[in-house]
Amino acid sequence: MQDRTFVNQICASLPGAMLSHPFSPAHDCWKLGEKMFAIIGDTGHAVSVKTDHVETAQLLIETGRAQRAAYFHASWVQLPFGLLEDEELRDRIAESYRLIRSALPKKLQAGLAPLP
């Protein structure tokens, strides 16, 4: 079942991922370094993630597989729980993580364990 616990388990399995609550205790914000790669809002019905391009986000929204992530750049999407298959949800979270990881300084990247 897709829910906050399911997403938190996925995020916690990624090397160097840290859970924080910068907005409120009801927001689960996953970061790598100081950069966010996933966030579950206070309603707990979806996770927002970064995509590689605005066009990717638009395509996901247009095909009904995502929604616009309010308050975020247009390259971010909100993935309501139960809309995608578990594997695609995992892949979207992992892709967001990889995008953030690739933008980190090389020294910080080198200190992270390889991706599972």
PDB file of N, CA and C in Angstrom:
ATOM      1  N   MET A   1       0.838  -1.189   0.000  1.00  0.00           N
ATOM      2  CA  MET A   1       0.000   0.000   0.000  1.00  0.00           C
ATOM      3  C   MET A   1       0.882   1.250   0.000  1.00  0.00           C
ATOM      4  N   GLN A   2       0.603   2.140  -0.922  1.00  0.00           N
ATOM      5  CA  GLN A   2       1.378   3.374  -1.005  1.00  0.00           C
ATOM      6  C   GLN A   2       0.864   4.365   0.032  1.00  0.00           C
ATOM      7  N   ASP A   3       1.775   4.813   0.872  1.00  0.00           N
ATOM      8  CA  ASP A   3       1.468   5.803   1.883  1.00  0.00           C
ATOM      9  C   ASP A   3       2.770   6.441   2.346  1.00  0.00           C
ATOM     10  N   ARG A   4       2.697   7.267   3.354  1.00  0.00           N
ATOM     11  CA  ARG A   4       3.871   7.959   3.888  1.00  0.00           C
ATOM     12  C   ARG A   4       4.958   6.960   4.283  1.00  0.00           C
ATOM     13  N   THR A   5       4.588   5.884   4.951  1.00  0.00           N
ATOM     14  CA  THR A   5       5.558   4.878   5.396  1.00  0.00           C
ATOM     15  C   THR A   5       6.247   4.224   4.203  1.00  0.00           C
ATOM     16  N   PHE A   6       5.493   3.876   3.185  1.00  0.00           N
ATOM     17  CA  PHE A   6       6.036   3.257   1.977  1.00  0.00           C
ATOM     18  C   PHE A   6       7.092   4.164   1.337  1.00  0.00           C
ATOM     19  N   VAL A   7       6.763   5.439   1.154  1.00  0.00           N
ATOM     20  CA  VAL A   7       7.694   6.387   0.538  1.00  0.00           C
ATOM     21  C   VAL A   7       8.900   6.622   1.438  1.00  0.00           C
ATOM     22  N   ASN A   8       8.674   6.759   2.733  1.00  0.00           N
ATOM     23  CA  ASN A   8       9.793   6.976   3.645  1.00  0.00           C
ATOM     24  C   ASN A   8      10.768   5.805   3.633  1.00  0.00           C
ATOM     25  N   GLN A   9      10.271   4.594   3.470  1.00  0.00           N
ATOM     26  CA  GLN A   9      11.157   3.425   3.378  1.00  0.00           C
ATOM     27  C   GLN A   9      12.008   3.485   2.112  1.00  0.00           C
ATOM     28  N   ILE A  10      11.408   3.887   1.008  1.00  0.00           N
ATOM     29  CA  ILE A  10      12.152   4.019  -0.246  1.00  0.00           C
ATOM     30  C   ILE A  10      13.251   5.073  -0.079  1.00  0.00           C
ATOM     31  N   CYS A  11      12.874   6.231   0.411  1.00  0.00           N
ATOM     32  CA  CYS A  11      13.835   7.329   0.561  1.00  0.00           C
ATOM     33  C   CYS A  11      14.949   6.973   1.541  1.00  0.00           C
ATOM     34  N   ALA A  12      14.612   6.334   2.635  1.00  0.00           N
ATOM     35  CA  ALA A  12      15.615   5.978   3.648  1.00  0.00           C
ATOM     36  C   ALA A  12      16.631   4.979   3.117  1.00  0.00           C
ATOM     37  N   SER A  13      16.278   4.227   2.083  1.00  0.00           N
ATOM     38  CA  SER A  13      17.189   3.228   1.522  1.00  0.00           C
ATOM     39  C   SER A  13      18.240   3.834   0.597  1.00  0.00           C
ATOM     40  N   LEU A  14      18.093   5.101   0.254  1.00  0.00           N
ATOM     41  CA  LEU A  14      19.012   5.757  -0.672  1.00  0.00           C
ATOM     42  C   LEU A  14      20.218   6.318   0.089  1.00  0.00           C
ATOM     43  N   PRO A  15      21.432   6.053  -0.395  1.00  0.00           N
ATOM     44  CA  PRO A  15      22.652   6.453   0.326  1.00  0.00           C
ATOM     45  C   PRO A  15      22.709   7.951   0.633  1.00  0.00           C
ATOM     46  N   GLY A  16      22.896   8.259   1.906  1.00  0.00           N
ATOM     47  CA  GLY A  16      23.051   9.643   2.342  1.00  0.00           C
ATOM     48  C   GLY A  16      21.761  10.414   2.516  1.00  0.00           C
ATOM     49  N   ALA A  17      20.623   9.802   2.220  1.00  0.00           N
ATOM     50  CA  ALA A  17      19.342  10.502   2.346  1.00  0.00           C
ATOM     51  C   ALA A  17      19.033  10.778   3.810  1.00  0.00           C
ATOM     52  N   MET A  18      18.570  11.982   4.070  1.00  0.00           N
ATOM     53  CA  MET A  18      18.252  12.395   5.434  1.00  0.00           C
ATOM     54  C   MET A  18      16.842  12.968   5.482  1.00  0.00           C
ATOM     55  N   LEU A  19      16.106  12.561   6.505  1.00  0.00           N
ATOM     56  CA  LEU A  19      14.757  13.070   6.724  1.00  0.00           C
ATOM     57  C   LEU A  19      14.833  14.332   7.567  1.00  0.00           C
ATOM     58  N   SER A  20      14.108  15.349   7.158  1.00  0.00           N
ATOM     59  CA  SER A  20      14.035  16.572   7.958  1.00  0.00           C
ATOM     60  C   SER A  20      12.594  17.088   7.925  1.00  0.00           C
ATOM     61  N   HIS A  21      12.333  18.044   8.787  1.00  0.00           N
ATOM     62  CA  HIS A  21      10.994  18.636   8.883  1.00  0.00           C
ATOM     63  C   HIS A  21      11.112  20.165   8.924  1.00  0.00           C
ATOM     64  N   PRO A  22      11.606  20.787   7.834  1.00  0.00           N
ATOM     65  CA  PRO A  22      11.842  22.235   7.853  1.00  0.00           C
ATOM     66  C   PRO A  22      10.578  23.093   7.839  1.00  0.00           C
ATOM     67  N   PHE A  23       9.476  22.543   7.385  1.00  0.00           N
ATOM     68  CA  PHE A  23       8.249  23.320   7.267  1.00  0.00           C
ATOM     69  C   PHE A  23       7.318  23.094   8.447  1.00  0.00           C
ATOM     70  N   SER A  24       7.198  21.850   8.861  1.00  0.00           N
ATOM     71  CA  SER A  24       6.393  21.476  10.029  1.00  0.00           C
ATOM     72  C   SER A  24       6.624  19.990  10.277  1.00  0.00           C
ATOM     73  N   PRO A  25       6.282  19.508  11.461  1.00  0.00           N
ATOM     74  CA  PRO A  25       6.442  18.073  11.723  1.00  0.00           C
ATOM     75  C   PRO A  25       5.584  17.198  10.806  1.00  0.00           C
ATOM     76  N   ALA A  26       4.592  17.784  10.172  1.00  0.00           N
ATOM     77  CA  ALA A  26       3.696  17.021   9.291  1.00  0.00           C
ATOM     78  C   ALA A  26       4.236  16.868   7.877  1.00  0.00           C
ATOM     79  N   HIS A  27       5.318  17.562   7.545  1.00  0.00           N
ATOM     80  CA  HIS A  27       5.946  17.464   6.223  1.00  0.00           C
ATOM     81  C   HIS A  27       7.202  16.612   6.344  1.00  0.00           C
ATOM     82  N   ASP A  28       7.252  15.494   5.624  1.00  0.00           N
ATOM     83  CA  ASP A  28       8.466  14.679   5.581  1.00  0.00           C
ATOM     84  C   ASP A  28       9.269  15.113   4.368  1.00  0.00           C
ATOM     85  N   CYS A  29      10.394  15.737   4.627  1.00  0.00           N
ATOM     86  CA  CYS A  29      11.242  16.289   3.577  1.00  0.00           C
ATOM     87  C   CYS A  29      12.530  15.477   3.515  1.00  0.00           C
ATOM     88  N   TRP A  30      12.785  14.853   2.378  1.00  0.00           N
ATOM     89  CA  TRP A  30      13.991  14.040   2.184  1.00  0.00           C
ATOM     90  C   TRP A  30      15.026  14.826   1.416  1.00  0.00           C
ATOM     91  N   LYS A  31      16.230  14.889   1.971  1.00  0.00           N
ATOM     92  CA  LYS A  31      17.310  15.671   1.379  1.00  0.00           C
ATOM     93  C   LYS A  31      18.552  14.820   1.201  1.00  0.00           C
ATOM     94  N   LEU A  32      19.360  15.268   0.282  1.00  0.00           N
ATOM     95  CA  LEU A  32      20.702  14.729   0.077  1.00  0.00           C
ATOM     96  C   LEU A  32      21.605  15.941   0.121  1.00  0.00           C
ATOM     97  N   GLY A  33      22.516  15.973   1.069  1.00  0.00           N
ATOM     98  CA  GLY A  33      23.235  17.205   1.322  1.00  0.00           C
ATOM     99  C   GLY A  33      22.207  18.196   1.834  1.00  0.00           C
ATOM    100  N   GLU A  34      22.177  19.351   1.264  1.00  0.00           N
ATOM    101  CA  GLU A  34      21.179  20.358   1.650  1.00  0.00           C
ATOM    102  C   GLU A  34      20.050  20.479   0.633  1.00  0.00           C
ATOM    103  N   LYS A  35      20.036  19.569  -0.352  1.00  0.00           N
ATOM    104  CA  LYS A  35      19.067  19.659  -1.445  1.00  0.00           C
ATOM    105  C   LYS A  35      17.945  18.639  -1.286  1.00  0.00           C
ATOM    106  N   MET A  36      16.736  19.108  -1.447  1.00  0.00           N
ATOM    107  CA  MET A  36      15.565  18.253  -1.315  1.00  0.00           C
ATOM    108  C   MET A  36      15.354  17.437  -2.591  1.00  0.00           C
ATOM    109  N   PHE A  37      14.992  16.146  -2.412  1.00  0.00           N
ATOM    110  CA  PHE A  37      14.645  15.327  -3.581  1.00  0.00           C
ATOM    111  C   PHE A  37      13.242  14.744  -3.491  1.00  0.00           C
ATOM    112  N   ALA A  38      12.629  14.767  -2.314  1.00  0.00           N
ATOM    113  CA  ALA A  38      11.258  14.274  -2.165  1.00  0.00           C
ATOM    114  C   ALA A  38      10.630  14.916  -0.933  1.00  0.00           C
ATOM    115  N   ILE A  39       9.345  15.179  -1.023  1.00  0.00           N
ATOM    116  CA  ILE A  39       8.628  15.723   0.133  1.00  0.00           C
ATOM    117  C   ILE A  39       7.190  15.213   0.132  1.00  0.00           C
ATOM    118  N   ILE A  40       6.772  14.810   1.307  1.00  0.00           N
ATOM    119  CA  ILE A  40       5.383  14.410   1.522  1.00  0.00           C
ATOM    120  C   ILE A  40       4.737  15.532   2.320  1.00  0.00           C
ATOM    121  N   GLY A  41       3.668  16.093   1.794  1.00  0.00           N
ATOM    122  CA  GLY A  41       3.003  17.211   2.452  1.00  0.00           C
ATOM    123  C   GLY A  41       2.219  16.810   3.681  1.00  0.00           C
ATOM    124  N   ASP A  42       1.657  17.800   4.338  1.00  0.00           N
ATOM    125  CA  ASP A  42       0.958  17.555   5.597  1.00  0.00           C
ATOM    126  C   ASP A  42      -0.305  16.715   5.436  1.00  0.00           C
ATOM    127  N   THR A  43      -0.880  16.667   4.223  1.00  0.00           N
ATOM    128  CA  THR A  43      -2.063  15.825   4.027  1.00  0.00           C
ATOM    129  C   THR A  43      -1.679  14.354   3.880  1.00  0.00           C
ATOM    130  N   GLY A  44      -0.422  14.098   3.501  1.00  0.00           N
ATOM    131  CA  GLY A  44       0.071  12.728   3.424  1.00  0.00           C
ATOM    132  C   GLY A  44      -0.537  11.879   2.328  1.00  0.00           C
ATOM    133  N   HIS A  45      -1.042  12.494   1.276  1.00  0.00           N
ATOM    134  CA  HIS A  45      -1.678  11.717   0.205  1.00  0.00           C
ATOM    135  C   HIS A  45      -0.839  11.619  -1.062  1.00  0.00           C
ATOM    136  N   ALA A  46       0.362  12.250  -1.062  1.00  0.00           N
ATOM    137  CA  ALA A  46       1.193  12.273  -2.266  1.00  0.00           C
ATOM    138  C   ALA A  46       2.628  12.614  -1.897  1.00  0.00           C
ATOM    139  N   VAL A  47       3.526  12.344  -2.842  1.00  0.00           N
ATOM    140  CA  VAL A  47       4.923  12.753  -2.698  1.00  0.00           C
ATOM    141  C   VAL A  47       5.277  13.623  -3.900  1.00  0.00           C
ATOM    142  N   SER A  48       6.021  14.686  -3.648  1.00  0.00           N
ATOM    143  CA  SER A  48       6.504  15.548  -4.728  1.00  0.00           C
ATOM    144  C   SER A  48       7.964  15.236  -4.987  1.00  0.00           C
ATOM    145  N   VAL A  49       8.315  15.153  -6.280  1.00  0.00           N
ATOM    146  CA  VAL A  49       9.680  14.816  -6.689  1.00  0.00           C
ATOM    147  C   VAL A  49      10.095  15.685  -7.859  1.00  0.00           C
ATOM    148  N   LYS A  50      11.394  15.774  -8.059  1.00  0.00           N
ATOM    149  CA  LYS A  50      11.978  16.529  -9.168  1.00  0.00           C
ATOM    150  C   LYS A  50      12.059  15.624 -10.400  1.00  0.00           C
ATOM    151  N   THR A  51      11.820  16.216 -11.567  1.00  0.00           N
ATOM    152  CA  THR A  51      12.033  15.498 -12.827  1.00  0.00           C
ATOM    153  C   THR A  51      13.215  16.147 -13.543  1.00  0.00           C
ATOM    154  N   ASP A  52      13.677  15.513 -14.601  1.00  0.00           N
ATOM    155  CA  ASP A  52      14.866  16.014 -15.295  1.00  0.00           C
ATOM    156  C   ASP A  52      14.614  17.283 -16.099  1.00  0.00           C
ATOM    157  N   HIS A  53      13.370  17.515 -16.528  1.00  0.00           N
ATOM    158  CA  HIS A  53      13.051  18.685 -17.349  1.00  0.00           C
ATOM    159  C   HIS A  53      11.611  19.116 -17.098  1.00  0.00           C
ATOM    160  N   VAL A  54      11.335  20.355 -17.365  1.00  0.00           N
ATOM    161  CA  VAL A  54       9.965  20.859 -17.296  1.00  0.00           C
ATOM    162  C   VAL A  54       9.075  20.052 -18.234  1.00  0.00           C
ATOM    163  N   GLU A  55       9.611  19.689 -19.396  1.00  0.00           N
ATOM    164  CA  GLU A  55       8.832  18.934 -20.379  1.00  0.00           C
ATOM    165  C   GLU A  55       8.441  17.553 -19.846  1.00  0.00           C
ATOM    166  N   THR A  56       9.328  16.932 -19.089  1.00  0.00           N
ATOM    167  CA  THR A  56       9.007  15.635 -18.478  1.00  0.00           C
ATOM    168  C   THR A  56       7.863  15.800 -17.497  1.00  0.00           C
ATOM    169  N   ALA A  57       7.941  16.833 -16.677  1.00  0.00           N
ATOM    170  CA  ALA A  57       6.870  17.102 -15.712  1.00  0.00           C
ATOM    171  C   ALA A  57       5.547  17.342 -16.441  1.00  0.00           C
ATOM    172  N   GLN A  58       5.580  18.139 -17.500  1.00  0.00           N
ATOM    173  CA  GLN A  58       4.368  18.422 -18.263  1.00  0.00           C
ATOM    174  C   GLN A  58       3.775  17.156 -18.867  1.00  0.00           C
ATOM    175  N   LEU A  59       4.627  16.289 -19.386  1.00  0.00           N
ATOM    176  CA  LEU A  59       4.160  15.032 -19.967  1.00  0.00           C
ATOM    177  C   LEU A  59       3.487  14.150 -18.912  1.00  0.00           C
ATOM    178  N   LEU A  60       4.100  14.050 -17.745  1.00  0.00           N
ATOM    179  CA  LEU A  60       3.503  13.253 -16.666  1.00  0.00           C
ATOM    180  C   LEU A  60       2.145  13.820 -16.257  1.00  0.00           C
ATOM    181  N   ILE A  61       2.046  15.135 -16.205  1.00  0.00           N
ATOM    182  CA  ILE A  61       0.784  15.776 -15.831  1.00  0.00           C
ATOM    183  C   ILE A  61      -0.268  15.570 -16.924  1.00  0.00           C
ATOM    184  N   GLU A  62       0.131  15.792 -18.175  1.00  0.00           N
ATOM    185  CA  GLU A  62      -0.807  15.655 -19.301  1.00  0.00           C
ATOM    186  C   GLU A  62      -1.323  14.232 -19.459  1.00  0.00           C
ATOM    187  N   THR A  63      -0.511  13.239 -19.118  1.00  0.00           N
ATOM    188  CA  THR A  63      -0.943  11.847 -19.252  1.00  0.00           C
ATOM    189  C   THR A  63      -1.677  11.343 -18.008  1.00  0.00           C
ATOM    190  N   GLY A  64      -1.893  12.231 -17.029  1.00  0.00           N
ATOM    191  CA  GLY A  64      -2.656  11.868 -15.846  1.00  0.00           C
ATOM    192  C   GLY A  64      -1.888  11.051 -14.818  1.00  0.00           C
ATOM    193  N   ARG A  65      -0.549  11.009 -14.942  1.00  0.00           N
ATOM    194  CA  ARG A  65       0.259  10.215 -14.014  1.00  0.00           C
ATOM    195  C   ARG A  65       0.839  11.050 -12.887  1.00  0.00           C
ATOM    196  N   ALA A  66       0.595  12.364 -12.945  1.00  0.00           N
ATOM    197  CA  ALA A  66       1.106  13.265 -11.910  1.00  0.00           C
ATOM    198  C   ALA A  66       0.263  14.531 -11.911  1.00  0.00           C
ATOM    199  N   GLN A  67       0.496  15.338 -10.895  1.00  0.00           N
ATOM    200  CA  GLN A  67      -0.143  16.642 -10.792  1.00  0.00           C
ATOM    201  C   GLN A  67       0.948  17.697 -10.630  1.00  0.00           C
ATOM    202  N   ARG A  68       0.596  18.935 -10.877  1.00  0.00           N
ATOM    203  CA  ARG A  68       1.556  20.017 -10.660  1.00  0.00           C
ATOM    204  C   ARG A  68       1.858  20.078  -9.164  1.00  0.00           C
ATOM    205  N   ALA A  69       3.110  20.222  -8.828  1.00  0.00           N
ATOM    206  CA  ALA A  69       3.529  20.342  -7.427  1.00  0.00           C
ATOM    207  C   ALA A  69       3.457  21.816  -7.038  1.00  0.00           C
ATOM    208  N   ALA A  70       2.481  22.154  -6.241  1.00  0.00           N
ATOM    209  CA  ALA A  70       2.304  23.546  -5.805  1.00  0.00           C
ATOM    210  C   ALA A  70       3.542  24.038  -5.071  1.00  0.00           C
ATOM    211  N   TYR A  71       3.882  25.292  -5.298  1.00  0.00           N
ATOM    212  CA  TYR A  71       5.001  25.980  -4.626  1.00  0.00           C
ATOM    213  C   TYR A  71       6.377  25.550  -5.122  1.00  0.00           C
ATOM    214  N   PHE A  72       6.456  24.642  -6.084  1.00  0.00           N
ATOM    215  CA  PHE A  72       7.736  24.155  -6.575  1.00  0.00           C
ATOM    216  C   PHE A  72       7.966  24.615  -8.011  1.00  0.00           C
ATOM    217  N   HIS A  73       9.214  24.519  -8.443  1.00  0.00           N
ATOM    218  CA  HIS A  73       9.577  24.798  -9.828  1.00  0.00           C
ATOM    219  C   HIS A  73       8.780  23.875 -10.742  1.00  0.00           C
ATOM    220  N   ALA A  74       8.593  24.275 -11.971  1.00  0.00           N
ATOM    221  CA  ALA A  74       7.794  23.505 -12.936  1.00  0.00           C
ATOM    222  C   ALA A  74       8.375  22.139 -13.262  1.00  0.00           C
ATOM    223  N   SER A  75       9.618  21.880 -12.874  1.00  0.00           N
ATOM    224  CA  SER A  75      10.203  20.552 -13.119  1.00  0.00           C
ATOM    225  C   SER A  75       9.838  19.558 -12.012  1.00  0.00           C
ATOM    226  N   TRP A  76       9.111  20.007 -11.012  1.00  0.00           N
ATOM    227  CA  TRP A  76       8.653  19.126  -9.937  1.00  0.00           C
ATOM    228  C   TRP A  76       7.218  18.690 -10.191  1.00  0.00           C
ATOM    229  N   VAL A  77       6.890  17.462  -9.783  1.00  0.00           N
ATOM    230  CA  VAL A  77       5.522  16.954  -9.889  1.00  0.00           C
ATOM    231  C   VAL A  77       5.097  16.342  -8.565  1.00  0.00           C
ATOM    232  N   GLN A  78       3.807  16.280  -8.384  1.00  0.00           N
ATOM    233  CA  GLN A  78       3.241  15.605  -7.223  1.00  0.00           C
ATOM    234  C   GLN A  78       2.661  14.279  -7.701  1.00  0.00           C
ATOM    235  N   LEU A  79       3.029  13.207  -7.007  1.00  0.00           N
ATOM    236  CA  LEU A  79       2.567  11.866  -7.366  1.00  0.00           C
ATOM    237  C   LEU A  79       1.603  11.367  -6.294  1.00  0.00           C
ATOM    238  N   PRO A  80       0.295  11.459  -6.552  1.00  0.00           N
ATOM    239  CA  PRO A  80      -0.678  10.979  -5.574  1.00  0.00           C
ATOM    240  C   PRO A  80      -0.529   9.474  -5.339  1.00  0.00           C
ATOM    241  N   PHE A  81      -0.638   9.066  -4.106  1.00  0.00           N
ATOM    242  CA  PHE A  81      -0.500   7.654  -3.769  1.00  0.00           C
ATOM    243  C   PHE A  81      -1.601   6.848  -4.446  1.00  0.00           C
ATOM    244  N   GLY A  82      -1.198   5.720  -5.022  1.00  0.00           N
ATOM    245  CA  GLY A  82      -2.132   4.825  -5.685  1.00  0.00           C
ATOM    246  C   GLY A  82      -2.339   5.117  -7.156  1.00  0.00           C
ATOM    247  N   LEU A  83      -1.801   6.221  -7.651  1.00  0.00           N
ATOM    248  CA  LEU A  83      -1.977   6.573  -9.064  1.00  0.00           C
ATOM    249  C   LEU A  83      -1.032   5.781  -9.954  1.00  0.00           C
ATOM    250  N   LEU A  84       0.204   5.585  -9.494  1.00  0.00           N
ATOM    251  CA  LEU A  84       1.219   4.839 -10.242  1.00  0.00           C
ATOM    252  C   LEU A  84       1.421   3.466  -9.627  1.00  0.00           C
ATOM    253  N   GLU A  85       1.945   2.561 -10.421  1.00  0.00           N
ATOM    254  CA  GLU A  85       2.362   1.269  -9.883  1.00  0.00           C
ATOM    255  C   GLU A  85       3.529   1.506  -8.926  1.00  0.00           C
ATOM    256  N   ASP A  86       3.706   0.605  -7.963  1.00  0.00           N
ATOM    257  CA  ASP A  86       4.780   0.749  -6.974  1.00  0.00           C
ATOM    258  C   ASP A  86       6.147   0.942  -7.625  1.00  0.00           C
ATOM    259  N   GLU A  87       6.417   0.177  -8.661  1.00  0.00           N
ATOM    260  CA  GLU A  87       7.730   0.236  -9.307  1.00  0.00           C
ATOM    261  C   GLU A  87       7.970   1.595  -9.953  1.00  0.00           C
ATOM    262  N   GLU A  88       6.969   2.153 -10.599  1.00  0.00           N
ATOM    263  CA  GLU A  88       7.152   3.473 -11.208  1.00  0.00           C
ATOM    264  C   GLU A  88       7.325   4.544 -10.131  1.00  0.00           C
ATOM    265  N   LEU A  89       6.586   4.438  -9.044  1.00  0.00           N
ATOM    266  CA  LEU A  89       6.757   5.391  -7.951  1.00  0.00           C
ATOM    267  C   LEU A  89       8.183   5.314  -7.405  1.00  0.00           C
ATOM    268  N   ARG A  90       8.689   4.101  -7.195  1.00  0.00           N
ATOM    269  CA  ARG A  90      10.085   3.928  -6.755  1.00  0.00           C
ATOM    270  C   ARG A  90      11.056   4.561  -7.746  1.00  0.00           C
ATOM    271  N   ASP A  91      10.823   4.317  -9.027  1.00  0.00           N
ATOM    272  CA  ASP A  91      11.700   4.858 -10.068  1.00  0.00           C
ATOM    273  C   ASP A  91      11.679   6.383 -10.089  1.00  0.00           C
ATOM    274  N   ARG A  92      10.518   6.996  -9.917  1.00  0.00           N
ATOM    275  CA  ARG A  92      10.408   8.459  -9.921  1.00  0.00           C
ATOM    276  C   ARG A  92      11.151   9.059  -8.726  1.00  0.00           C
ATOM    277  N   ILE A  93      11.037   8.427  -7.572  1.00  0.00           N
ATOM    278  CA  ILE A  93      11.758   8.896  -6.385  1.00  0.00           C
ATOM    279  C   ILE A  93      13.259   8.730  -6.598  1.00  0.00           C
ATOM    280  N   ALA A  94      13.675   7.576  -7.112  1.00  0.00           N
ATOM    281  CA  ALA A  94      15.098   7.320  -7.349  1.00  0.00           C
ATOM    282  C   ALA A  94      15.666   8.279  -8.391  1.00  0.00           C
ATOM    283  N   GLU A  95      14.895   8.604  -9.412  1.00  0.00           N
ATOM    284  CA  GLU A  95      15.361   9.547 -10.427  1.00  0.00           C
ATOM    285  C   GLU A  95      15.548  10.936  -9.824  1.00  0.00           C
ATOM    286  N   SER A  96      14.631  11.365  -8.992  1.00  0.00           N
ATOM    287  CA  SER A  96      14.768  12.653  -8.322  1.00  0.00           C
ATOM    288  C   SER A  96      16.037  12.669  -7.467  1.00  0.00           C
ATOM    289  N   TYR A  97      16.255  11.591  -6.741  1.00  0.00           N
ATOM    290  CA  TYR A  97      17.471  11.446  -5.927  1.00  0.00           C
ATOM    291  C   TYR A  97      18.722  11.532  -6.810  1.00  0.00           C
ATOM    292  N   ARG A  98      18.737  10.801  -7.927  1.00  0.00           N
ATOM    293  CA  ARG A  98      19.903  10.798  -8.826  1.00  0.00           C
ATOM    294  C   ARG A  98      20.184  12.197  -9.387  1.00  0.00           C
ATOM    295  N   LEU A  99      19.132  12.935  -9.711  1.00  0.00           N
ATOM    296  CA  LEU A  99      19.309  14.292 -10.222  1.00  0.00           C
ATOM    297  C   LEU A  99      19.983  15.182  -9.181  1.00  0.00           C
ATOM    298  N   ILE A 100      19.540  15.084  -7.961  1.00  0.00           N
ATOM    299  CA  ILE A 100      20.139  15.880  -6.884  1.00  0.00           C
ATOM    300  C   ILE A 100      21.561  15.406  -6.615  1.00  0.00           C
ATOM    301  N   ARG A 101      21.752  14.102  -6.583  1.00  0.00           N
ATOM    302  CA  ARG A 101      23.079  13.542  -6.320  1.00  0.00           C
ATOM    303  C   ARG A 101      24.089  13.997  -7.383  1.00  0.00           C
ATOM    304  N   SER A 102      23.690  14.007  -8.630  1.00  0.00           N
ATOM    305  CA  SER A 102      24.612  14.374  -9.709  1.00  0.00           C
ATOM    306  C   SER A 102      25.002  15.844  -9.663  1.00  0.00           C
ATOM    307  N   ALA A 103      24.214  16.669  -8.979  1.00  0.00           N
ATOM    308  CA  ALA A 103      24.513  18.094  -8.873  1.00  0.00           C
ATOM    309  C   ALA A 103      25.354  18.434  -7.638  1.00  0.00           C
ATOM    310  N   LEU A 104      25.590  17.453  -6.785  1.00  0.00           N
ATOM    311  CA  LEU A 104      26.411  17.691  -5.594  1.00  0.00           C
ATOM    312  C   LEU A 104      27.874  17.851  -5.978  1.00  0.00           C
ATOM    313  N   PRO A 105      28.648  18.529  -5.137  1.00  0.00           N
ATOM    314  CA  PRO A 105      30.089  18.603  -5.395  1.00  0.00           C
ATOM    315  C   PRO A 105      30.687  17.194  -5.479  1.00  0.00           C
ATOM    316  N   LYS A 106      31.666  17.018  -6.359  1.00  0.00           N
ATOM    317  CA  LYS A 106      32.275  15.699  -6.593  1.00  0.00           C
ATOM    318  C   LYS A 106      32.788  15.064  -5.298  1.00  0.00           C
ATOM    319  N   LYS A 107      33.333  15.872  -4.415  1.00  0.00           N
ATOM    320  CA  LYS A 107      33.859  15.347  -3.145  1.00  0.00           C
ATOM    321  C   LYS A 107      32.746  14.727  -2.311  1.00  0.00           C
ATOM    322  N   LEU A 108      31.596  15.379  -2.270  1.00  0.00           N
ATOM    323  CA  LEU A 108      30.469  14.844  -1.522  1.00  0.00           C
ATOM    324  C   LEU A 108      29.918  13.599  -2.203  1.00  0.00           C
ATOM    325  N   GLN A 109      29.850  13.606  -3.534  1.00  0.00           N
ATOM    326  CA  GLN A 109      29.387  12.428  -4.266  1.00  0.00           C
ATOM    327  C   GLN A 109      30.275  11.225  -3.989  1.00  0.00           C
ATOM    328  N   ALA A 110      31.580  11.457  -3.963  1.00  0.00           N
ATOM    329  CA  ALA A 110      32.552  10.369  -3.752  1.00  0.00           C
ATOM    330  C   ALA A 110      32.377   9.725  -2.382  1.00  0.00           C
ATOM    331  N   GLY A 111      31.871  10.465  -1.415  1.00  0.00           N
ATOM    332  CA  GLY A 111      31.698   9.931  -0.076  1.00  0.00           C
ATOM    333  C   GLY A 111      30.423   9.131   0.120  1.00  0.00           C
ATOM    334  N   LEU A 112      29.587   9.057  -0.904  1.00  0.00           N
ATOM    335  CA  LEU A 112      28.323   8.322  -0.806  1.00  0.00           C
ATOM    336  C   LEU A 112      28.494   6.884  -1.295  1.00  0.00           C
ATOM    337  N   ALA A 113      27.773   6.000  -0.682  1.00  0.00           N
ATOM    338  CA  ALA A 113      27.765   4.610  -1.133  1.00  0.00           C
ATOM    339  C   ALA A 113      27.136   4.539  -2.522  1.00  0.00           C
ATOM    340  N   PRO A 114      27.498   3.531  -3.301  1.00  0.00           N
ATOM    341  CA  PRO A 114      26.883   3.372  -4.619  1.00  0.00           C
ATOM    342  C   PRO A 114      25.378   3.169  -4.507  1.00  0.00           C
ATOM    343  N   LEU A 115      24.688   3.526  -5.554  1.00  0.00           N
ATOM    344  CA  LEU A 115      23.244   3.318  -5.572  1.00  0.00           C
ATOM    345  C   LEU A 115      22.928   1.817  -5.552  1.00  0.00           C
ATOM    346  N   PRO A 116      21.852   1.450  -4.842  1.00  0.00           N
ATOM    347  CA  PRO A 116      21.478   0.023  -4.814  1.00  0.00           C
ATOM    348  C   PRO A 116      20.968  -0.451  -6.160  1.00  0.00           C
TER     349      PRO A 116
END
